[in-house]
Amino acid sequence: MIRKILFGALLWLTLAAPALAQEDDKPLIAFLRYAGTAPVAAATDGILDSLEAYGYLTAAERAALNESFDLKGANLDLMYRDAGFDLPSVNLMVEEALDKGADALVTITTQVAQIAVNATRDLEDPPVILFSLVTTPFATGIADAPCIKPDHVAGTQPLLSYEEYVPLVLLQDPDIKVIGTIVSPDQPTSIVGADRIKEIGESLGLTVEVATAINLADLNIAAESLLSKGVEAIVLSITPLTLQGTPVLVQLTAEHGIPLYAPIIQQVYRGVTVGAGFHSFYEEGVIAARILHTHLNGDIDIADIGINQSRSFGIAINLDTAAAQGIEISEDLLAMTNFVIKDGERSAGMAADVDETRMQPGDMSMEERRAADLEFLAGLECTPEMIAEQQAALDAAEN
């Protein structure tokens, strides 16, 4: 039973086919994401490749999911939803998953996880929620601390190192005085990121101008506002709006001859001057799938598993964009770079550790994979001592 769902900007259109129903003992997994950005696509692949490796998906079923179809499979049923950057559609996605009695909601990005947790927080018997690519689980109320969270919630948080990211503007140009950033006030991740950029920038002696944008039309106005204030670089936080509007920002910064920085290394492929930050997005999907598989296998209680926190940091430079902006990249910054884009091609032979290896189902036996998962998850187990320590820290912060 297959359906294909298309999302409009403000309209949910459902095209033919009856709903998935739980007619047997197979688990129903609701796979929910905000939009198909490059990081989200990588995490999606990590989850789906893992489900194939665990035997939940056949190779044919995995291939069908590349087209974003629902699946009534041999070993599990799967709802696959993408909101296409439309926040109201996220609420519809979550409601639909709950109405269909999903056993687990796999949520990708902060917006989806936050809505799913809020919708299930007071349910007597909520489905498990496993999240990936949630950069601000604590600021958004998804959890209070890694071990202080709703019992039905677990996931993995990529830690964004703004402390390493923001100083790159001075490494590129030691004489820079004014930088700008853009905040989406309806996106908690954007607010947190903009605040960190302002705080760190000012600690480095920089003036940090902040412009506000809620939609794509605002984004152009916000960027023009920053440029009119004499910013010498635009330094972005992670927000769906700036990911969606990257081409607009690339064009404007090229016209004004200033660099554009993004905290996602893969954004250099879309034309930002410098991409620097977390890059292990595929692995984040793998981690979420490890938790899901071990839960479905009955080997863990989600209530006992803390939120995983992952670190990675890489730097990439688009020399073609820099040339269009009339900017010469400093030797100091080039020396730290993992790879560059030049003449439309990625450089060879430069630190390739930012490239994630895609999983092959036959790489490990099922026994080896299960043992590795249990060892990994043992490191996430929340002990009474950890819970007490984290609660004491929360209490101290309130006082």
Protein backbone atom coordinates (compact mmCIF):
# COMPACT_ATOMS: atom_id res chain seq x y z
CA MET A 1 0.00 0.00 0.00
CA ILE A 2 1.87 3.03 -1.19
CA ARG A 3 1.02 6.73 -1.12
CA LYS A 4 2.91 9.73 -2.24
CA ILE A 5 2.47 12.93 -0.28
CA LEU A 6 3.22 16.35 -1.68
CA PHE A 7 3.42 19.43 0.50
CA GLY A 8 2.64 22.94 -0.76
CA ALA A 9 3.71 26.14 0.96
CA LEU A 10 0.48 26.30 2.97
CA LEU A 11 -1.46 23.28 1.73
CA TRP A 12 -1.30 19.59 2.44
CA LEU A 13 -2.29 17.60 -0.63
CA THR A 14 -2.84 13.87 -0.28
CA LEU A 15 -2.79 11.86 -3.48
CA ALA A 16 -4.78 8.62 -3.55
CA ALA A 17 -4.31 5.37 -1.64
CA PRO A 18 -5.71 4.33 1.70
CA ALA A 19 -3.87 4.97 4.92
CA LEU A 20 -1.34 2.63 6.40
CA ALA A 21 -2.89 0.54 9.11
CA GLN A 22 -1.42 -1.78 11.69
CA GLU A 23 -2.97 -5.07 10.55
CA ASP A 24 -0.26 -7.25 12.08
CA ASP A 25 2.57 -7.15 14.58
CA LYS A 26 4.93 -5.17 12.37
CA PRO A 27 6.01 -1.83 13.89
CA LEU A 28 4.75 1.36 12.28
CA ILE A 29 7.46 4.01 12.18
CA ALA A 30 6.56 7.61 11.39
CA PHE A 31 9.56 9.25 9.72
CA LEU A 32 9.05 13.03 9.99
CA ARG A 33 11.33 15.83 8.81
CA TYR A 34 11.09 19.57 8.25
CA ALA A 35 12.75 19.88 4.83
CA GLY A 36 15.22 18.09 2.58
CA THR A 37 18.32 20.21 3.18
CA ALA A 38 21.73 18.60 2.68
CA PRO A 39 22.25 17.79 6.39
CA VAL A 40 18.73 16.37 6.67
CA ALA A 41 19.22 14.28 3.53
CA ALA A 42 22.46 12.87 4.96
CA ALA A 43 20.82 12.00 8.30
CA THR A 44 17.89 10.45 6.42
CA ASP A 45 20.27 8.22 4.49
CA GLY A 46 21.99 7.21 7.73
CA ILE A 47 18.69 6.10 9.26
CA LEU A 48 17.36 4.29 6.20
CA ASP A 49 20.68 2.60 5.38
CA SER A 50 20.78 1.38 8.98
CA LEU A 51 17.25 0.00 8.79
CA GLU A 52 18.33 -1.95 5.71
CA ALA A 53 21.46 -3.19 7.49
CA TYR A 54 19.35 -4.35 10.43
CA GLY A 55 17.04 -6.26 8.09
CA TYR A 56 13.97 -4.08 8.57
CA LEU A 57 14.10 -2.94 4.94
CA THR A 58 14.87 -4.98 1.85
CA ALA A 59 17.10 -3.44 -0.82
CA ALA A 60 14.04 -2.87 -3.03
CA GLU A 61 12.14 -1.21 -0.19
CA ARG A 62 15.12 1.01 0.61
CA ALA A 63 15.32 2.09 -3.03
CA ALA A 64 11.62 2.97 -3.04
CA LEU A 65 12.08 5.20 -0.01
CA ASN A 66 14.53 7.33 -1.98
CA GLU A 67 11.41 8.67 -3.68
CA SER A 68 9.79 9.58 -0.33
CA PHE A 69 7.02 7.00 -0.51
CA ASP A 70 5.14 5.42 2.34
CA LEU A 71 5.89 1.74 2.74
CA LYS A 72 3.97 -1.29 3.87
CA GLY A 73 6.97 -3.55 4.02
CA ALA A 74 7.82 -7.10 4.86
CA ASN A 75 9.19 -6.26 8.29
CA LEU A 76 7.88 -2.79 9.14
CA ASP A 77 5.44 -0.16 7.93
CA LEU A 78 6.79 3.32 7.45
CA MET A 79 5.15 6.73 7.10
CA TYR A 80 7.51 9.14 5.37
CA ARG A 81 6.67 12.85 5.64
CA ASP A 82 8.52 16.05 4.70
CA ALA A 83 6.96 19.43 5.55
CA GLY A 84 8.81 21.35 2.83
CA PHE A 85 9.79 24.20 5.20
CA ASP A 86 6.10 24.68 6.11
CA LEU A 87 5.66 24.74 9.90
CA PRO A 88 1.86 24.19 9.89
CA SER A 89 2.45 20.97 7.97
CA VAL A 90 4.60 19.68 10.83
CA ASN A 91 1.57 19.76 13.13
CA LEU A 92 -0.42 17.82 10.53
CA MET A 93 2.36 15.28 10.19
CA VAL A 94 2.52 14.65 13.92
CA GLU A 95 -1.27 14.45 14.26
CA GLU A 96 -1.45 11.96 11.42
CA ALA A 97 1.27 9.78 12.95
CA LEU A 98 -0.55 9.71 16.29
CA ASP A 99 -3.92 9.01 14.64
CA LYS A 100 -2.42 6.03 12.83
CA GLY A 101 -0.99 4.63 16.05
CA ALA A 102 2.68 4.87 15.13
CA ASP A 103 4.95 2.90 17.45
CA ALA A 104 7.79 5.38 17.06
CA LEU A 105 8.20 8.88 15.67
CA VAL A 106 11.62 9.47 14.15
CA THR A 107 11.89 13.25 13.98
CA ILE A 108 14.62 15.13 12.13
CA THR A 109 15.36 18.76 13.08
CA THR A 110 14.39 20.78 16.12
CA GLN A 111 11.06 22.06 14.79
CA VAL A 112 9.64 18.58 14.25
CA ALA A 113 10.97 17.12 17.50
CA GLN A 114 9.64 20.04 19.55
CA ILE A 115 6.12 19.74 18.13
CA ALA A 116 6.12 15.95 18.50
CA VAL A 117 7.24 16.09 22.14
CA ASN A 118 4.70 18.77 23.01
CA ALA A 119 1.92 16.76 21.35
CA THR A 120 2.76 13.59 23.28
CA ARG A 121 3.94 14.92 26.63
CA ASP A 122 0.62 14.37 28.41
CA LEU A 123 -0.44 11.15 26.68
CA GLU A 124 -0.92 8.17 28.95
CA ASP A 125 0.91 5.80 26.60
CA PRO A 126 2.89 7.92 24.11
CA PRO A 127 4.84 6.47 21.20
CA VAL A 128 8.60 6.60 21.42
CA ILE A 129 10.14 9.76 19.94
CA LEU A 130 13.67 9.50 18.59
CA PHE A 131 15.22 12.66 17.24
CA SER A 132 18.19 13.54 15.07
CA LEU A 133 19.76 16.89 14.06
CA VAL A 134 18.19 18.67 17.02
CA THR A 135 20.76 21.34 17.86
CA THR A 136 18.85 22.95 20.76
CA PRO A 137 16.90 20.27 22.66
CA PHE A 138 17.25 22.08 25.99
CA ALA A 139 16.49 25.63 24.89
CA THR A 140 13.32 24.42 23.14
CA GLY A 141 11.90 22.38 26.02
CA ILE A 142 12.37 18.98 24.38
CA ALA A 143 14.45 18.06 27.41
CA ASP A 144 15.96 19.84 30.39
CA ALA A 145 19.30 17.99 30.34
CA PRO A 146 20.70 14.85 28.67
CA CYS A 147 19.23 12.62 31.41
CA ILE A 148 16.30 14.81 32.45
CA LYS A 149 13.74 14.34 29.74
CA PRO A 150 10.37 12.71 29.05
CA ASP A 151 10.63 8.92 29.46
CA HIS A 152 9.51 8.28 25.86
CA VAL A 153 12.09 10.61 24.28
CA ALA A 154 15.68 9.95 23.19
CA GLY A 155 17.92 11.17 20.40
CA THR A 156 21.18 12.70 19.32
CA GLN A 157 22.32 16.33 19.37
CA PRO A 158 25.04 17.71 17.10
CA LEU A 159 27.07 20.20 19.12
CA LEU A 160 27.79 23.35 17.13
CA SER A 161 31.10 24.97 18.03
CA TYR A 162 30.46 28.67 17.56
CA GLU A 163 33.63 29.19 19.62
CA GLU A 164 35.64 27.73 16.73
CA TYR A 165 33.44 29.10 13.96
CA VAL A 166 33.12 32.83 14.68
CA PRO A 167 36.87 33.59 15.15
CA LEU A 168 37.50 32.46 11.56
CA VAL A 169 36.41 35.90 10.37
CA LEU A 170 39.48 37.37 12.10
CA LEU A 171 41.72 34.62 10.79
CA GLN A 172 40.60 35.59 7.30
CA ASP A 173 40.78 39.35 7.92
CA PRO A 174 42.55 40.53 11.12
CA ASP A 175 41.41 44.10 10.40
CA ILE A 176 37.70 43.33 10.23
CA LYS A 177 35.56 45.50 12.52
CA VAL A 178 31.88 44.84 11.77
CA ILE A 179 30.07 41.59 11.02
CA GLY A 180 26.38 40.87 10.56
CA THR A 181 24.08 37.96 11.25
CA ILE A 182 20.43 37.14 10.56
CA VAL A 183 17.95 35.81 13.12
CA SER A 184 14.57 34.17 12.57
CA PRO A 185 12.60 35.03 15.74
CA ASP A 186 10.22 32.10 15.23
CA GLN A 187 13.07 29.57 15.18
CA PRO A 188 14.69 28.82 18.59
CA THR A 189 17.78 27.35 16.93
CA SER A 190 18.29 30.60 15.03
CA ILE A 191 17.85 32.71 18.17
CA VAL A 192 20.40 30.65 20.10
CA GLY A 193 22.87 30.77 17.21
CA ALA A 194 22.53 34.52 16.63
CA ASP A 195 22.99 35.16 20.34
CA ARG A 196 26.17 33.09 20.36
CA ILE A 197 27.54 34.84 17.27
CA LYS A 198 26.87 38.24 18.86
CA GLU A 199 28.34 37.22 22.22
CA ILE A 200 31.50 35.68 20.76
CA GLY A 201 31.93 38.39 18.14
CA GLU A 202 31.75 41.16 20.72
CA SER A 203 34.17 39.30 22.99
CA LEU A 204 36.62 39.43 20.06
CA GLY A 205 36.21 43.20 19.78
CA LEU A 206 33.84 43.09 16.79
CA THR A 207 30.67 45.07 16.28
CA VAL A 208 27.88 42.60 15.50
CA GLU A 209 24.83 43.87 13.62
CA VAL A 210 21.69 41.68 13.74
CA ALA A 211 18.85 41.72 11.21
CA THR A 212 15.54 39.88 11.45
CA ALA A 213 13.90 37.69 8.80
CA ILE A 214 10.86 35.40 9.02
CA ASN A 215 10.39 34.44 5.36
CA LEU A 216 12.35 34.52 2.10
CA ALA A 217 11.14 38.00 1.20
CA ASP A 218 12.40 39.24 4.56
CA LEU A 219 15.75 37.56 3.98
CA ASN A 220 16.64 39.82 1.08
CA ILE A 221 15.61 42.90 3.09
CA ALA A 222 17.56 41.71 6.15
CA ALA A 223 20.73 41.18 4.13
CA GLU A 224 20.39 44.61 2.47
CA SER A 225 19.93 46.14 5.93
CA LEU A 226 23.17 44.58 7.14
CA LEU A 227 25.03 45.71 4.05
CA SER A 228 23.75 49.27 4.50
CA LYS A 229 25.27 49.25 8.01
CA GLY A 230 28.72 48.52 6.59
CA VAL A 231 29.14 44.91 7.66
CA GLU A 232 32.33 43.38 6.31
CA ALA A 233 31.10 39.78 6.48
CA ILE A 234 27.80 37.97 7.06
CA VAL A 235 28.10 35.14 9.57
CA LEU A 236 25.09 32.84 9.65
CA SER A 237 23.70 30.62 12.36
CA ILE A 238 21.85 27.40 11.57
CA THR A 239 18.28 28.13 10.57
CA PRO A 240 16.05 26.60 7.88
CA LEU A 241 15.41 30.04 6.39
CA THR A 242 19.04 30.83 5.63
CA LEU A 243 19.58 27.28 4.36
CA GLN A 244 16.65 27.76 2.02
CA GLY A 245 17.75 31.25 1.01
CA THR A 246 21.47 30.60 0.53
CA PRO A 247 21.42 31.51 -3.21
CA VAL A 248 20.00 34.95 -2.38
CA LEU A 249 22.72 35.59 0.18
CA VAL A 250 25.47 34.32 -2.11
CA GLN A 251 24.38 36.72 -4.85
CA LEU A 252 24.11 39.73 -2.54
CA THR A 253 27.48 39.19 -0.89
CA ALA A 254 29.12 38.76 -4.30
CA GLU A 255 27.61 42.05 -5.46
CA HIS A 256 28.97 43.84 -2.37
CA GLY A 257 32.33 42.08 -2.20
CA ILE A 258 32.07 40.58 1.28
CA PRO A 259 32.40 36.95 2.42
CA LEU A 260 29.51 34.76 3.52
CA TYR A 261 30.10 32.28 6.36
CA ALA A 262 27.86 29.32 7.21
CA PRO A 263 28.16 26.90 10.17
CA ILE A 264 27.67 23.84 7.94
CA ILE A 265 30.68 22.71 5.96
CA GLN A 266 28.59 21.33 3.09
CA GLN A 267 27.19 24.80 2.37
CA VAL A 268 30.28 25.54 0.28
CA TYR A 269 28.69 23.35 -2.39
CA ARG A 270 25.85 25.89 -2.50
CA GLY A 271 28.20 28.85 -2.82
CA VAL A 272 28.99 30.19 0.66
CA THR A 273 32.54 31.48 0.93
CA VAL A 274 33.43 29.60 4.11
CA GLY A 275 31.56 26.61 5.53
CA ALA A 276 32.79 25.66 8.98
CA GLY A 277 31.17 23.53 11.64
CA PHE A 278 29.57 20.19 12.37
CA HIS A 279 29.67 17.79 9.44
CA SER A 280 28.86 14.24 10.65
CA PHE A 281 25.21 14.35 9.64
CA TYR A 282 25.05 10.83 8.19
CA GLU A 283 26.45 9.45 11.45
CA GLU A 284 23.74 11.32 13.37
CA GLY A 285 21.18 9.33 11.40
CA VAL A 286 23.03 6.11 12.15
CA ILE A 287 22.99 6.90 15.88
CA ALA A 288 19.23 7.53 15.85
CA ALA A 289 18.73 4.22 14.04
CA ARG A 290 20.89 2.40 16.59
CA ILE A 291 18.59 3.61 19.35
CA LEU A 292 15.49 2.70 17.33
CA HIS A 293 16.71 -0.80 16.48
CA THR A 294 17.78 -1.58 20.03
CA HIS A 295 14.42 -0.33 21.30
CA LEU A 296 12.46 -2.41 18.78
CA ASN A 297 14.60 -5.40 19.71
CA GLY A 298 13.61 -4.96 23.35
CA ASP A 299 17.20 -4.48 24.55
CA ILE A 300 16.78 -1.03 26.10
CA ASP A 301 14.24 1.10 27.91
CA ILE A 302 14.14 4.53 26.28
CA ALA A 303 13.52 6.05 29.72
CA ASP A 304 17.00 4.97 30.80
CA ILE A 305 18.85 6.35 27.76
CA GLY A 306 20.23 9.88 27.80
CA ILE A 307 20.50 12.22 24.86
CA ASN A 308 23.64 11.59 22.84
CA GLN A 309 25.85 14.60 22.08
CA SER A 310 28.18 14.49 19.06
CA ARG A 311 31.11 16.70 18.14
CA SER A 312 32.79 17.32 14.80
CA PHE A 313 34.31 20.39 13.19
CA GLY A 314 35.60 20.95 9.68
CA ILE A 315 36.33 23.89 7.37
CA ALA A 316 35.81 24.23 3.63
CA ILE A 317 36.24 27.20 1.31
CA ASN A 318 34.66 27.97 -2.04
CA LEU A 319 37.44 29.74 -3.92
CA ASP A 320 35.12 30.36 -6.87
CA THR A 321 32.79 32.37 -4.63
CA ALA A 322 35.72 34.20 -3.06
CA ALA A 323 36.93 35.18 -6.53
CA ALA A 324 33.46 36.46 -7.47
CA GLN A 325 33.46 38.52 -4.26
CA GLY A 326 36.94 39.87 -5.01
CA ILE A 327 38.30 38.27 -1.83
CA GLU A 328 41.68 36.63 -1.40
CA ILE A 329 41.56 33.89 1.22
CA SER A 330 44.29 34.19 3.83
CA GLU A 331 47.05 31.60 4.03
CA ASP A 332 46.27 31.08 7.73
CA LEU A 333 42.70 30.09 6.95
CA LEU A 334 43.71 27.93 3.98
CA ALA A 335 46.13 26.04 6.22
CA MET A 336 43.22 24.96 8.44
CA THR A 337 40.92 23.96 5.59
CA ASN A 338 39.79 20.39 5.01
CA PHE A 339 39.01 21.00 1.35
CA VAL A 340 38.31 23.77 -1.17
CA ILE A 341 36.06 24.20 -4.17
CA LYS A 342 37.89 25.56 -7.21
CA ASP A 343 36.65 25.75 -10.81
CA GLY A 344 33.56 23.95 -9.67
CA GLU A 345 35.50 20.95 -8.39
CA ARG A 346 36.44 19.80 -4.93
CA SER A 347 40.17 19.60 -4.22
CA ALA A 348 41.75 16.17 -3.99
CA GLY A 349 44.25 15.00 -1.42
CA MET A 350 43.20 17.42 1.31
CA ALA A 351 42.09 16.15 4.75
CA ALA A 352 39.26 13.84 3.80
CA ASP A 353 38.12 13.07 7.33
CA VAL A 354 35.04 15.23 6.78
CA ASP A 355 33.78 12.70 4.23
CA GLU A 356 31.35 10.29 5.83
CA THR A 357 31.48 6.66 4.78
CA ARG A 358 28.11 5.28 3.76
CA MET A 359 27.10 2.05 5.39
CA GLN A 360 27.09 -1.23 3.50
CA PRO A 361 24.69 -3.79 5.00
CA GLY A 362 27.28 -6.56 4.79
CA ASP A 363 30.04 -4.66 6.58
CA MET A 364 29.17 -6.30 9.92
CA SER A 365 27.28 -9.39 10.95
CA MET A 366 24.04 -8.86 12.86
CA GLU A 367 25.69 -10.17 16.02
CA GLU A 368 28.61 -7.75 15.65
CA ARG A 369 26.28 -4.85 14.94
CA ARG A 370 24.09 -5.63 17.93
CA ALA A 371 27.10 -5.92 20.25
CA ALA A 372 28.47 -2.60 18.99
CA ASP A 373 25.11 -0.93 19.51
CA LEU A 374 24.77 -2.22 23.05
CA GLU A 375 28.28 -1.04 23.87
CA PHE A 376 27.53 2.41 22.44
CA LEU A 377 24.21 2.72 24.26
CA ALA A 378 25.74 1.59 27.54
CA GLY A 379 27.63 4.88 27.43
CA LEU A 380 24.31 6.75 27.29
CA GLU A 381 22.74 5.03 30.29
CA CYS A 382 21.52 7.52 32.87
CA THR A 383 22.52 6.56 36.39
CA PRO A 384 20.83 8.03 39.49
CA GLU A 385 24.06 9.93 40.17
CA MET A 386 24.02 11.52 36.70
CA ILE A 387 20.37 12.52 37.05
CA ALA A 388 21.01 14.06 40.47
CA GLU A 389 24.04 15.96 39.21
CA GLN A 390 22.20 17.35 36.19
CA GLN A 391 19.18 18.32 38.29
CA ALA A 392 21.45 20.11 40.77
CA ALA A 393 23.00 22.06 37.90
CA LEU A 394 19.55 23.06 36.65
CA ASP A 395 18.48 24.13 40.13
CA ALA A 396 21.66 26.18 40.57
CA ALA A 397 21.10 27.91 37.23
CA GLU A 398 17.60 28.97 38.29
CA ASN A 399 18.83 30.49 41.57
